[in-house]
mmCIF file of all heavy atoms, coordinates in Angstrom:
data_MODEL
# 
_entry.id   MODEL 
# 
loop_
_atom_site.group_PDB 
_atom_site.id 
_atom_site.type_symbol 
_atom_site.label_atom_id 
_atom_site.label_alt_id 
_atom_site.label_comp_id 
_atom_site.label_asym_id 
_atom_site.label_entity_id 
_atom_site.label_seq_id 
_atom_site.pdbx_PDB_ins_code 
_atom_site.Cartn_x 
_atom_site.Cartn_y 
_atom_site.Cartn_z 
_atom_site.occupancy 
_atom_site.B_iso_or_equiv 
_atom_site.pdbx_formal_charge 
_atom_site.auth_seq_id 
_atom_site.auth_comp_id 
_atom_site.auth_asym_id 
_atom_site.auth_atom_id 
_atom_site.pdbx_PDB_model_num 
ATOM 1   N N   . PRO A 1 1  ? 1.973   -19.456 4.697  1.00 0.00 ? 1  PRO A N   1 
ATOM 2   C CA  . PRO A 1 1  ? 2.288   -18.785 3.449  1.00 0.00 ? 1  PRO A CA  1 
ATOM 3   C C   . PRO A 1 1  ? 1.469   -17.499 3.205  1.00 0.00 ? 1  PRO A C   1 
ATOM 4   O O   . PRO A 1 1  ? 1.958   -16.488 2.731  1.00 0.00 ? 1  PRO A O   1 
ATOM 5   C CB  . PRO A 1 1  ? 1.900   -19.825 2.374  1.00 0.00 ? 1  PRO A CB  1 
ATOM 6   C CG  . PRO A 1 1  ? 1.938   -21.079 3.062  1.00 0.00 ? 1  PRO A CG  1 
ATOM 7   C CD  . PRO A 1 1  ? 1.627   -20.891 4.490  1.00 0.00 ? 1  PRO A CD  1 
ATOM 8   N N   . LEU A 1 2  ? 0.150   -17.493 3.649  1.00 0.00 ? 2  LEU A N   1 
ATOM 9   C CA  . LEU A 1 2  ? -0.631  -16.292 3.433  1.00 0.00 ? 2  LEU A CA  1 
ATOM 10  C C   . LEU A 1 2  ? -0.172  -15.194 4.383  1.00 0.00 ? 2  LEU A C   1 
ATOM 11  O O   . LEU A 1 2  ? -0.151  -14.001 3.988  1.00 0.00 ? 2  LEU A O   1 
ATOM 12  C CB  . LEU A 1 2  ? -2.099  -16.661 3.746  1.00 0.00 ? 2  LEU A CB  1 
ATOM 13  C CG  . LEU A 1 2  ? -2.780  -17.516 2.611  1.00 0.00 ? 2  LEU A CG  1 
ATOM 14  C CD1 . LEU A 1 2  ? -4.232  -17.820 3.040  1.00 0.00 ? 2  LEU A CD1 1 
ATOM 15  C CD2 . LEU A 1 2  ? -2.793  -16.768 1.297  1.00 0.00 ? 2  LEU A CD2 1 
ATOM 16  N N   . ALA A 1 3  ? 0.271   -15.532 5.638  1.00 0.00 ? 3  ALA A N   1 
ATOM 17  C CA  . ALA A 1 3  ? 0.782   -14.548 6.495  1.00 0.00 ? 3  ALA A CA  1 
ATOM 18  C C   . ALA A 1 3  ? 2.037   -13.906 5.894  1.00 0.00 ? 3  ALA A C   1 
ATOM 19  O O   . ALA A 1 3  ? 2.266   -12.708 5.979  1.00 0.00 ? 3  ALA A O   1 
ATOM 20  C CB  . ALA A 1 3  ? 1.051   -15.132 7.883  1.00 0.00 ? 3  ALA A CB  1 
ATOM 21  N N   . ASP A 1 4  ? 2.957   -14.777 5.376  1.00 0.00 ? 4  ASP A N   1 
ATOM 22  C CA  . ASP A 1 4  ? 4.156   -14.266 4.789  1.00 0.00 ? 4  ASP A CA  1 
ATOM 23  C C   . ASP A 1 4  ? 3.892   -13.326 3.601  1.00 0.00 ? 4  ASP A C   1 
ATOM 24  O O   . ASP A 1 4  ? 4.479   -12.334 3.448  1.00 0.00 ? 4  ASP A O   1 
ATOM 25  C CB  . ASP A 1 4  ? 5.091   -15.433 4.351  1.00 0.00 ? 4  ASP A CB  1 
ATOM 26  C CG  . ASP A 1 4  ? 5.725   -16.112 5.513  1.00 0.00 ? 4  ASP A CG  1 
ATOM 27  O OD1 . ASP A 1 4  ? 5.639   -15.630 6.656  1.00 0.00 ? 4  ASP A OD1 1 
ATOM 28  O OD2 . ASP A 1 4  ? 6.344   -17.223 5.253  1.00 0.00 ? 4  ASP A OD2 1 
ATOM 29  N N   . TRP A 1 5  ? 2.940   -13.737 2.746  1.00 0.00 ? 5  TRP A N   1 
ATOM 30  C CA  . TRP A 1 5  ? 2.553   -12.978 1.580  1.00 0.00 ? 5  TRP A CA  1 
ATOM 31  C C   . TRP A 1 5  ? 2.011   -11.575 2.014  1.00 0.00 ? 5  TRP A C   1 
ATOM 32  O O   . TRP A 1 5  ? 2.387   -10.582 1.465  1.00 0.00 ? 5  TRP A O   1 
ATOM 33  C CB  . TRP A 1 5  ? 1.558   -13.717 0.728  1.00 0.00 ? 5  TRP A CB  1 
ATOM 34  C CG  . TRP A 1 5  ? 1.129   -12.964 -0.491 1.00 0.00 ? 5  TRP A CG  1 
ATOM 35  C CD1 . TRP A 1 5  ? -0.148  -12.487 -0.767 1.00 0.00 ? 5  TRP A CD1 1 
ATOM 36  C CD2 . TRP A 1 5  ? 1.975   -12.628 -1.607 1.00 0.00 ? 5  TRP A CD2 1 
ATOM 37  N NE1 . TRP A 1 5  ? -0.100  -11.824 -1.972 1.00 0.00 ? 5  TRP A NE1 1 
ATOM 38  C CE2 . TRP A 1 5  ? 1.140   -11.889 -2.501 1.00 0.00 ? 5  TRP A CE2 1 
ATOM 39  C CE3 . TRP A 1 5  ? 3.293   -12.743 -1.877 1.00 0.00 ? 5  TRP A CE3 1 
ATOM 40  C CZ2 . TRP A 1 5  ? 1.710   -11.305 -3.681 1.00 0.00 ? 5  TRP A CZ2 1 
ATOM 41  C CZ3 . TRP A 1 5  ? 3.798   -12.219 -3.074 1.00 0.00 ? 5  TRP A CZ3 1 
ATOM 42  C CH2 . TRP A 1 5  ? 3.014   -11.543 -3.944 1.00 0.00 ? 5  TRP A CH2 1 
ATOM 43  N N   . ASN A 1 6  ? 1.073   -11.601 3.018  1.00 0.00 ? 6  ASN A N   1 
ATOM 44  C CA  . ASN A 1 6  ? 0.543   -10.322 3.464  1.00 0.00 ? 6  ASN A CA  1 
ATOM 45  C C   . ASN A 1 6  ? 1.528   -9.420  4.087  1.00 0.00 ? 6  ASN A C   1 
ATOM 46  O O   . ASN A 1 6  ? 1.573   -8.205  3.876  1.00 0.00 ? 6  ASN A O   1 
ATOM 47  C CB  . ASN A 1 6  ? -0.605  -10.634 4.496  1.00 0.00 ? 6  ASN A CB  1 
ATOM 48  C CG  . ASN A 1 6  ? -1.831  -11.161 3.769  1.00 0.00 ? 6  ASN A CG  1 
ATOM 49  O OD1 . ASN A 1 6  ? -2.120  -10.819 2.636  1.00 0.00 ? 6  ASN A OD1 1 
ATOM 50  N ND2 . ASN A 1 6  ? -2.601  -11.955 4.482  1.00 0.00 ? 6  ASN A ND2 1 
ATOM 51  N N   . ALA A 1 7  ? 2.479   -10.019 4.835  1.00 0.00 ? 7  ALA A N   1 
ATOM 52  C CA  . ALA A 1 7  ? 3.640   -9.273  5.343  1.00 0.00 ? 7  ALA A CA  1 
ATOM 53  C C   . ALA A 1 7  ? 4.508   -8.561  4.186  1.00 0.00 ? 7  ALA A C   1 
ATOM 54  O O   . ALA A 1 7  ? 4.895   -7.485  4.313  1.00 0.00 ? 7  ALA A O   1 
ATOM 55  C CB  . ALA A 1 7  ? 4.527   -10.117 6.257  1.00 0.00 ? 7  ALA A CB  1 
ATOM 56  N N   . HIS A 1 8  ? 4.723   -9.393  3.174  1.00 0.00 ? 8  HIS A N   1 
ATOM 57  C CA  . HIS A 1 8  ? 5.453   -8.921  2.068  1.00 0.00 ? 8  HIS A CA  1 
ATOM 58  C C   . HIS A 1 8  ? 4.705   -7.744  1.364  1.00 0.00 ? 8  HIS A C   1 
ATOM 59  O O   . HIS A 1 8  ? 5.309   -6.698  1.076  1.00 0.00 ? 8  HIS A O   1 
ATOM 60  C CB  . HIS A 1 8  ? 5.697   -10.021 0.971  1.00 0.00 ? 8  HIS A CB  1 
ATOM 61  C CG  . HIS A 1 8  ? 6.126   -9.524  -0.332 1.00 0.00 ? 8  HIS A CG  1 
ATOM 62  N ND1 . HIS A 1 8  ? 7.361   -9.094  -0.588 1.00 0.00 ? 8  HIS A ND1 1 
ATOM 63  C CD2 . HIS A 1 8  ? 5.436   -9.457  -1.494 1.00 0.00 ? 8  HIS A CD2 1 
ATOM 64  C CE1 . HIS A 1 8  ? 7.421   -8.669  -1.867 1.00 0.00 ? 8  HIS A CE1 1 
ATOM 65  N NE2 . HIS A 1 8  ? 6.295   -8.893  -2.418 1.00 0.00 ? 8  HIS A NE2 1 
ATOM 66  N N   . LEU A 1 9  ? 3.436   -7.933  1.163  1.00 0.00 ? 9  LEU A N   1 
ATOM 67  C CA  . LEU A 1 9  ? 2.669   -6.863  0.609  1.00 0.00 ? 9  LEU A CA  1 
ATOM 68  C C   . LEU A 1 9  ? 2.593   -5.565  1.453  1.00 0.00 ? 9  LEU A C   1 
ATOM 69  O O   . LEU A 1 9  ? 2.742   -4.448  0.934  1.00 0.00 ? 9  LEU A O   1 
ATOM 70  C CB  . LEU A 1 9  ? 1.213   -7.271  0.375  1.00 0.00 ? 9  LEU A CB  1 
ATOM 71  C CG  . LEU A 1 9  ? 1.006   -8.315  -0.726 1.00 0.00 ? 9  LEU A CG  1 
ATOM 72  C CD1 . LEU A 1 9  ? -0.460  -8.773  -0.810 1.00 0.00 ? 9  LEU A CD1 1 
ATOM 73  C CD2 . LEU A 1 9  ? 1.528   -7.886  -2.088 1.00 0.00 ? 9  LEU A CD2 1 
ATOM 74  N N   . SER A 1 10 ? 2.591   -5.780  2.749  1.00 0.00 ? 10 SER A N   1 
ATOM 75  C CA  . SER A 1 10 ? 2.585   -4.629  3.663  1.00 0.00 ? 10 SER A CA  1 
ATOM 76  C C   . SER A 1 10 ? 3.947   -3.901  3.559  1.00 0.00 ? 10 SER A C   1 
ATOM 77  O O   . SER A 1 10 ? 3.908   -2.638  3.532  1.00 0.00 ? 10 SER A O   1 
ATOM 78  C CB  . SER A 1 10 ? 2.361   -5.138  5.121  1.00 0.00 ? 10 SER A CB  1 
ATOM 79  O OG  . SER A 1 10 ? 2.396   -4.012  5.973  1.00 0.00 ? 10 SER A OG  1 
ATOM 80  N N   . LEU A 1 11 ? 5.017   -4.643  3.521  1.00 0.00 ? 11 LEU A N   1 
ATOM 81  C CA  . LEU A 1 11 ? 6.323   -3.939  3.380  1.00 0.00 ? 11 LEU A CA  1 
ATOM 82  C C   . LEU A 1 11 ? 6.446   -3.210  2.090  1.00 0.00 ? 11 LEU A C   1 
ATOM 83  O O   . LEU A 1 11 ? 6.978   -2.106  2.005  1.00 0.00 ? 11 LEU A O   1 
ATOM 84  C CB  . LEU A 1 11 ? 7.461   -5.022  3.469  1.00 0.00 ? 11 LEU A CB  1 
ATOM 85  C CG  . LEU A 1 11 ? 7.692   -5.633  4.833  1.00 0.00 ? 11 LEU A CG  1 
ATOM 86  C CD1 . LEU A 1 11 ? 8.746   -6.748  4.729  1.00 0.00 ? 11 LEU A CD1 1 
ATOM 87  C CD2 . LEU A 1 11 ? 8.224   -4.535  5.757  1.00 0.00 ? 11 LEU A CD2 1 
ATOM 88  N N   . ALA A 1 12 ? 5.984   -3.820  0.986  1.00 0.00 ? 12 ALA A N   1 
ATOM 89  C CA  . ALA A 1 12 ? 6.068   -3.145  -0.315 1.00 0.00 ? 12 ALA A CA  1 
ATOM 90  C C   . ALA A 1 12 ? 5.159   -1.834  -0.310 1.00 0.00 ? 12 ALA A C   1 
ATOM 91  O O   . ALA A 1 12 ? 5.612   -0.818  -0.817 1.00 0.00 ? 12 ALA A O   1 
ATOM 92  C CB  . ALA A 1 12 ? 5.510   -4.109  -1.425 1.00 0.00 ? 12 ALA A CB  1 
ATOM 93  N N   . ARG A 1 13 ? 4.014   -1.928  0.316  1.00 0.00 ? 13 ARG A N   1 
ATOM 94  C CA  . ARG A 1 13 ? 3.153   -0.740  0.451  1.00 0.00 ? 13 ARG A CA  1 
ATOM 95  C C   . ARG A 1 13 ? 3.822   0.369   1.270  1.00 0.00 ? 13 ARG A C   1 
ATOM 96  O O   . ARG A 1 13 ? 3.750   1.580   0.903  1.00 0.00 ? 13 ARG A O   1 
ATOM 97  C CB  . ARG A 1 13 ? 1.779   -1.094  1.001  1.00 0.00 ? 13 ARG A CB  1 
ATOM 98  C CG  . ARG A 1 13 ? 0.744   -1.544  0.053  1.00 0.00 ? 13 ARG A CG  1 
ATOM 99  C CD  . ARG A 1 13 ? -0.596  -1.673  0.648  1.00 0.00 ? 13 ARG A CD  1 
ATOM 100 N NE  . ARG A 1 13 ? -0.656  -2.495  1.851  1.00 0.00 ? 13 ARG A NE  1 
ATOM 101 C CZ  . ARG A 1 13 ? -0.969  -3.829  1.818  1.00 0.00 ? 13 ARG A CZ  1 
ATOM 102 N NH1 . ARG A 1 13 ? -1.253  -4.430  0.672  1.00 0.00 ? 13 ARG A NH1 1 
ATOM 103 N NH2 . ARG A 1 13 ? -0.982  -4.536  2.932  1.00 0.00 ? 13 ARG A NH2 1 
ATOM 104 N N   . ASP A 1 14 ? 4.483   -0.057  2.354  1.00 0.00 ? 14 ASP A N   1 
ATOM 105 C CA  . ASP A 1 14 ? 5.169   0.924   3.231  1.00 0.00 ? 14 ASP A CA  1 
ATOM 106 C C   . ASP A 1 14 ? 6.255   1.607   2.508  1.00 0.00 ? 14 ASP A C   1 
ATOM 107 O O   . ASP A 1 14 ? 6.602   2.790   2.862  1.00 0.00 ? 14 ASP A O   1 
ATOM 108 C CB  . ASP A 1 14 ? 5.637   0.177   4.494  1.00 0.00 ? 14 ASP A CB  1 
ATOM 109 C CG  . ASP A 1 14 ? 4.557   -0.161  5.410  1.00 0.00 ? 14 ASP A CG  1 
ATOM 110 O OD1 . ASP A 1 14 ? 3.383   0.285   5.236  1.00 0.00 ? 14 ASP A OD1 1 
ATOM 111 O OD2 . ASP A 1 14 ? 4.870   -0.988  6.368  1.00 0.00 ? 14 ASP A OD2 1 
ATOM 112 N N   . ARG A 1 15 ? 6.974   1.001   1.635  1.00 0.00 ? 15 ARG A N   1 
ATOM 113 C CA  . ARG A 1 15 ? 8.081   1.581   0.860  1.00 0.00 ? 15 ARG A CA  1 
ATOM 114 C C   . ARG A 1 15 ? 7.614   2.306   -0.319 1.00 0.00 ? 15 ARG A C   1 
ATOM 115 O O   . ARG A 1 15 ? 8.392   3.173   -0.795 1.00 0.00 ? 15 ARG A O   1 
ATOM 116 C CB  . ARG A 1 15 ? 9.064   0.443   0.420  1.00 0.00 ? 15 ARG A CB  1 
ATOM 117 C CG  . ARG A 1 15 ? 9.858   -0.118  1.506  1.00 0.00 ? 15 ARG A CG  1 
ATOM 118 C CD  . ARG A 1 15 ? 11.003  -1.031  0.977  1.00 0.00 ? 15 ARG A CD  1 
ATOM 119 N NE  . ARG A 1 15 ? 10.459  -1.980  -0.068 1.00 0.00 ? 15 ARG A NE  1 
ATOM 120 C CZ  . ARG A 1 15 ? 10.552  -3.283  0.033  1.00 0.00 ? 15 ARG A CZ  1 
ATOM 121 N NH1 . ARG A 1 15 ? 11.200  -3.814  0.975  1.00 0.00 ? 15 ARG A NH1 1 
ATOM 122 N NH2 . ARG A 1 15 ? 10.042  -4.062  -0.872 1.00 0.00 ? 15 ARG A NH2 1 
ATOM 123 N N   . ALA A 1 16 ? 6.469   2.088   -0.817 1.00 0.00 ? 16 ALA A N   1 
ATOM 124 C CA  . ALA A 1 16 ? 5.911   2.792   -2.030 1.00 0.00 ? 16 ALA A CA  1 
ATOM 125 C C   . ALA A 1 16 ? 5.691   4.263   -1.712 1.00 0.00 ? 16 ALA A C   1 
ATOM 126 O O   . ALA A 1 16 ? 5.365   4.702   -0.522 1.00 0.00 ? 16 ALA A O   1 
ATOM 127 C CB  . ALA A 1 16 ? 4.665   2.092   -2.533 1.00 0.00 ? 16 ALA A CB  1 
ATOM 128 N N   . VAL A 1 17 ? 5.824   5.053   -2.751 1.00 0.00 ? 17 VAL A N   1 
ATOM 129 C CA  . VAL A 1 17 ? 5.600   6.483   -2.597 1.00 0.00 ? 17 VAL A CA  1 
ATOM 130 C C   . VAL A 1 17 ? 4.071   6.698   -2.299 1.00 0.00 ? 17 VAL A C   1 
ATOM 131 O O   . VAL A 1 17 ? 3.248   6.126   -2.902 1.00 0.00 ? 17 VAL A O   1 
ATOM 132 C CB  . VAL A 1 17 ? 6.019   7.228   -3.898 1.00 0.00 ? 17 VAL A CB  1 
ATOM 133 C CG1 . VAL A 1 17 ? 5.155   6.888   -5.077 1.00 0.00 ? 17 VAL A CG1 1 
ATOM 134 C CG2 . VAL A 1 17 ? 5.954   8.739   -3.655 1.00 0.00 ? 17 VAL A CG2 1 
ATOM 135 N N   . PRO A 1 18 ? 3.782   7.563   -1.243 1.00 0.00 ? 18 PRO A N   1 
ATOM 136 C CA  . PRO A 1 18 ? 2.379   7.771   -1.018 1.00 0.00 ? 18 PRO A CA  1 
ATOM 137 C C   . PRO A 1 18 ? 1.696   8.660   -2.063 1.00 0.00 ? 18 PRO A C   1 
ATOM 138 O O   . PRO A 1 18 ? 2.357   9.541   -2.653 1.00 0.00 ? 18 PRO A O   1 
ATOM 139 C CB  . PRO A 1 18 ? 2.453   8.480   0.399  1.00 0.00 ? 18 PRO A CB  1 
ATOM 140 C CG  . PRO A 1 18 ? 3.841   9.085   0.412  1.00 0.00 ? 18 PRO A CG  1 
ATOM 141 C CD  . PRO A 1 18 ? 4.682   8.321   -0.455 1.00 0.00 ? 18 PRO A CD  1 
ATOM 142 N N   . LEU A 1 19 ? 0.431   8.438   -2.232 1.00 0.00 ? 19 LEU A N   1 
ATOM 143 C CA  . LEU A 1 19 ? -0.336  9.261   -3.121 1.00 0.00 ? 19 LEU A CA  1 
ATOM 144 C C   . LEU A 1 19 ? -0.805  10.487  -2.383 1.00 0.00 ? 19 LEU A C   1 
ATOM 145 O O   . LEU A 1 19 ? -1.068  10.445  -1.194 1.00 0.00 ? 19 LEU A O   1 
ATOM 146 C CB  . LEU A 1 19 ? -1.645  8.529   -3.607 1.00 0.00 ? 19 LEU A CB  1 
ATOM 147 C CG  . LEU A 1 19 ? -1.481  7.327   -4.506 1.00 0.00 ? 19 LEU A CG  1 
ATOM 148 C CD1 . LEU A 1 19 ? -2.792  6.714   -4.831 1.00 0.00 ? 19 LEU A CD1 1 
ATOM 149 C CD2 . LEU A 1 19 ? -0.754  7.714   -5.795 1.00 0.00 ? 19 LEU A CD2 1 
ATOM 150 N N   . PRO A 1 20 ? -0.845  11.648  -3.010 1.00 0.00 ? 20 PRO A N   1 
ATOM 151 C CA  . PRO A 1 20 ? -1.399  12.828  -2.391 1.00 0.00 ? 20 PRO A CA  1 
ATOM 152 C C   . PRO A 1 20 ? -2.803  12.517  -1.921 1.00 0.00 ? 20 PRO A C   1 
ATOM 153 O O   . PRO A 1 20 ? -3.523  11.858  -2.723 1.00 0.00 ? 20 PRO A O   1 
ATOM 154 C CB  . PRO A 1 20 ? -1.304  13.920  -3.498 1.00 0.00 ? 20 PRO A CB  1 
ATOM 155 C CG  . PRO A 1 20 ? -0.310  13.400  -4.436 1.00 0.00 ? 20 PRO A CG  1 
ATOM 156 C CD  . PRO A 1 20 ? -0.363  11.931  -4.400 1.00 0.00 ? 20 PRO A CD  1 
ATOM 157 N N   . GLU A 1 21 ? -3.204  12.954  -0.815 1.00 0.00 ? 21 GLU A N   1 
ATOM 158 C CA  . GLU A 1 21 ? -4.494  12.645  -0.251 1.00 0.00 ? 21 GLU A CA  1 
ATOM 159 C C   . GLU A 1 21 ? -5.682  13.028  -1.173 1.00 0.00 ? 21 GLU A C   1 
ATOM 160 O O   . GLU A 1 21 ? -6.589  12.217  -1.354 1.00 0.00 ? 21 GLU A O   1 
ATOM 161 C CB  . GLU A 1 21 ? -4.718  13.261  1.100  1.00 0.00 ? 21 GLU A CB  1 
ATOM 162 C CG  . GLU A 1 21 ? -5.981  12.857  1.812  1.00 0.00 ? 21 GLU A CG  1 
ATOM 163 C CD  . GLU A 1 21 ? -6.133  11.313  1.911  1.00 0.00 ? 21 GLU A CD  1 
ATOM 164 O OE1 . GLU A 1 21 ? -5.199  10.608  2.213  1.00 0.00 ? 21 GLU A OE1 1 
ATOM 165 O OE2 . GLU A 1 21 ? -7.295  10.866  1.684  1.00 0.00 ? 21 GLU A OE2 1 
ATOM 166 N N   . PRO A 1 22 ? -5.670  14.224  -1.778 1.00 0.00 ? 22 PRO A N   1 
ATOM 167 C CA  . PRO A 1 22 ? -6.820  14.529  -2.700 1.00 0.00 ? 22 PRO A CA  1 
ATOM 168 C C   . PRO A 1 22 ? -6.884  13.494  -3.887 1.00 0.00 ? 22 PRO A C   1 
ATOM 169 O O   . PRO A 1 22 ? -7.959  13.156  -4.287 1.00 0.00 ? 22 PRO A O   1 
ATOM 170 C CB  . PRO A 1 22 ? -6.465  15.929  -3.226 1.00 0.00 ? 22 PRO A CB  1 
ATOM 171 C CG  . PRO A 1 22 ? -5.535  16.508  -2.168 1.00 0.00 ? 22 PRO A CG  1 
ATOM 172 C CD  . PRO A 1 22 ? -4.771  15.357  -1.673 1.00 0.00 ? 22 PRO A CD  1 
ATOM 173 N N   . LEU A 1 23 ? -5.779  13.079  -4.381 1.00 0.00 ? 23 LEU A N   1 
ATOM 174 C CA  . LEU A 1 23 ? -5.739  12.059  -5.508 1.00 0.00 ? 23 LEU A CA  1 
ATOM 175 C C   . LEU A 1 23 ? -6.280  10.695  -4.978 1.00 0.00 ? 23 LEU A C   1 
ATOM 176 O O   . LEU A 1 23 ? -7.049  10.081  -5.655 1.00 0.00 ? 23 LEU A O   1 
ATOM 177 C CB  . LEU A 1 23 ? -4.342  11.958  -6.127 1.00 0.00 ? 23 LEU A CB  1 
ATOM 178 C CG  . LEU A 1 23 ? -4.218  10.994  -7.274 1.00 0.00 ? 23 LEU A CG  1 
ATOM 179 C CD1 . LEU A 1 23 ? -5.203  11.267  -8.424 1.00 0.00 ? 23 LEU A CD1 1 
ATOM 180 C CD2 . LEU A 1 23 ? -2.747  10.902  -7.685 1.00 0.00 ? 23 LEU A CD2 1 
ATOM 181 N N   . ALA A 1 24 ? -5.787  10.312  -3.857 1.00 0.00 ? 24 ALA A N   1 
ATOM 182 C CA  . ALA A 1 24 ? -6.286  9.029   -3.304 1.00 0.00 ? 24 ALA A CA  1 
ATOM 183 C C   . ALA A 1 24 ? -7.772  9.083   -3.072 1.00 0.00 ? 24 ALA A C   1 
ATOM 184 O O   . ALA A 1 24 ? -8.475  8.151   -3.421 1.00 0.00 ? 24 ALA A O   1 
ATOM 185 C CB  . ALA A 1 24 ? -5.541  8.709   -2.007 1.00 0.00 ? 24 ALA A CB  1 
ATOM 186 N N   . ALA A 1 25 ? -8.320  10.137  -2.544 1.00 0.00 ? 25 ALA A N   1 
ATOM 187 C CA  . ALA A 1 25 ? -9.778  10.338  -2.351 1.00 0.00 ? 25 ALA A CA  1 
ATOM 188 C C   . ALA A 1 25 ? -10.538 10.243  -3.685 1.00 0.00 ? 25 ALA A C   1 
ATOM 189 O O   . ALA A 1 25 ? -11.562 9.682   -3.738 1.00 0.00 ? 25 ALA A O   1 
ATOM 190 C CB  . ALA A 1 25 ? -10.070 11.550  -1.538 1.00 0.00 ? 25 ALA A CB  1 
ATOM 191 N N   . LEU A 1 26 ? -9.928  10.964  -4.674 1.00 0.00 ? 26 LEU A N   1 
ATOM 192 C CA  . LEU A 1 26 ? -10.553 10.978  -6.014 1.00 0.00 ? 26 LEU A CA  1 
ATOM 193 C C   . LEU A 1 26 ? -10.636 9.578   -6.607 1.00 0.00 ? 26 LEU A C   1 
ATOM 194 O O   . LEU A 1 26 ? -11.640 9.176   -7.207 1.00 0.00 ? 26 LEU A O   1 
ATOM 195 C CB  . LEU A 1 26 ? -9.838  11.931  -6.891 1.00 0.00 ? 26 LEU A CB  1 
ATOM 196 C CG  . LEU A 1 26 ? -10.378 12.102  -8.276 1.00 0.00 ? 26 LEU A CG  1 
ATOM 197 C CD1 . LEU A 1 26 ? -11.813 12.632  -8.296 1.00 0.00 ? 26 LEU A CD1 1 
ATOM 198 C CD2 . LEU A 1 26 ? -9.531  13.060  -9.153 1.00 0.00 ? 26 LEU A CD2 1 
ATOM 199 N N   . LEU A 1 27 ? -9.603  8.799   -6.429 1.00 0.00 ? 27 LEU A N   1 
ATOM 200 C CA  . LEU A 1 27 ? -9.517  7.474   -6.955 1.00 0.00 ? 27 LEU A CA  1 
ATOM 201 C C   . LEU A 1 27 ? -10.604 6.589   -6.262 1.00 0.00 ? 27 LEU A C   1 
ATOM 202 O O   . LEU A 1 27 ? -11.213 5.790   -6.940 1.00 0.00 ? 27 LEU A O   1 
ATOM 203 C CB  . LEU A 1 27 ? -8.146  6.796   -6.811 1.00 0.00 ? 27 LEU A CB  1 
ATOM 204 C CG  . LEU A 1 27 ? -7.093  7.462   -7.743 1.00 0.00 ? 27 LEU A CG  1 
ATOM 205 C CD1 . LEU A 1 27 ? -5.659  6.969   -7.404 1.00 0.00 ? 27 LEU A CD1 1 
ATOM 206 C CD2 . LEU A 1 27 ? -7.373  7.207   -9.164 1.00 0.00 ? 27 LEU A CD2 1 
ATOM 207 N N   . VAL A 1 28 ? -10.741 6.697   -4.989 1.00 0.00 ? 28 VAL A N   1 
ATOM 208 C CA  . VAL A 1 28 ? -11.801 6.009   -4.260 1.00 0.00 ? 28 VAL A CA  1 
ATOM 209 C C   . VAL A 1 28 ? -13.142 6.432   -4.833 1.00 0.00 ? 28 VAL A C   1 
ATOM 210 O O   . VAL A 1 28 ? -14.042 5.510   -5.117 1.00 0.00 ? 28 VAL A O   1 
ATOM 211 C CB  . VAL A 1 28 ? -11.749 6.228   -2.700 1.00 0.00 ? 28 VAL A CB  1 
ATOM 212 C CG1 . VAL A 1 28 ? -12.982 5.691   -2.036 1.00 0.00 ? 28 VAL A CG1 1 
ATOM 213 C CG2 . VAL A 1 28 ? -10.474 5.597   -2.206 1.00 0.00 ? 28 VAL A CG2 1 
# 
């Protein structure tokens, strides 16, 4: 179940719009 959940999250992240790099760095 955990492997399936992690795979699902990975697919969702891959389909999501990427953040501009400067914004991602600022959020970190």
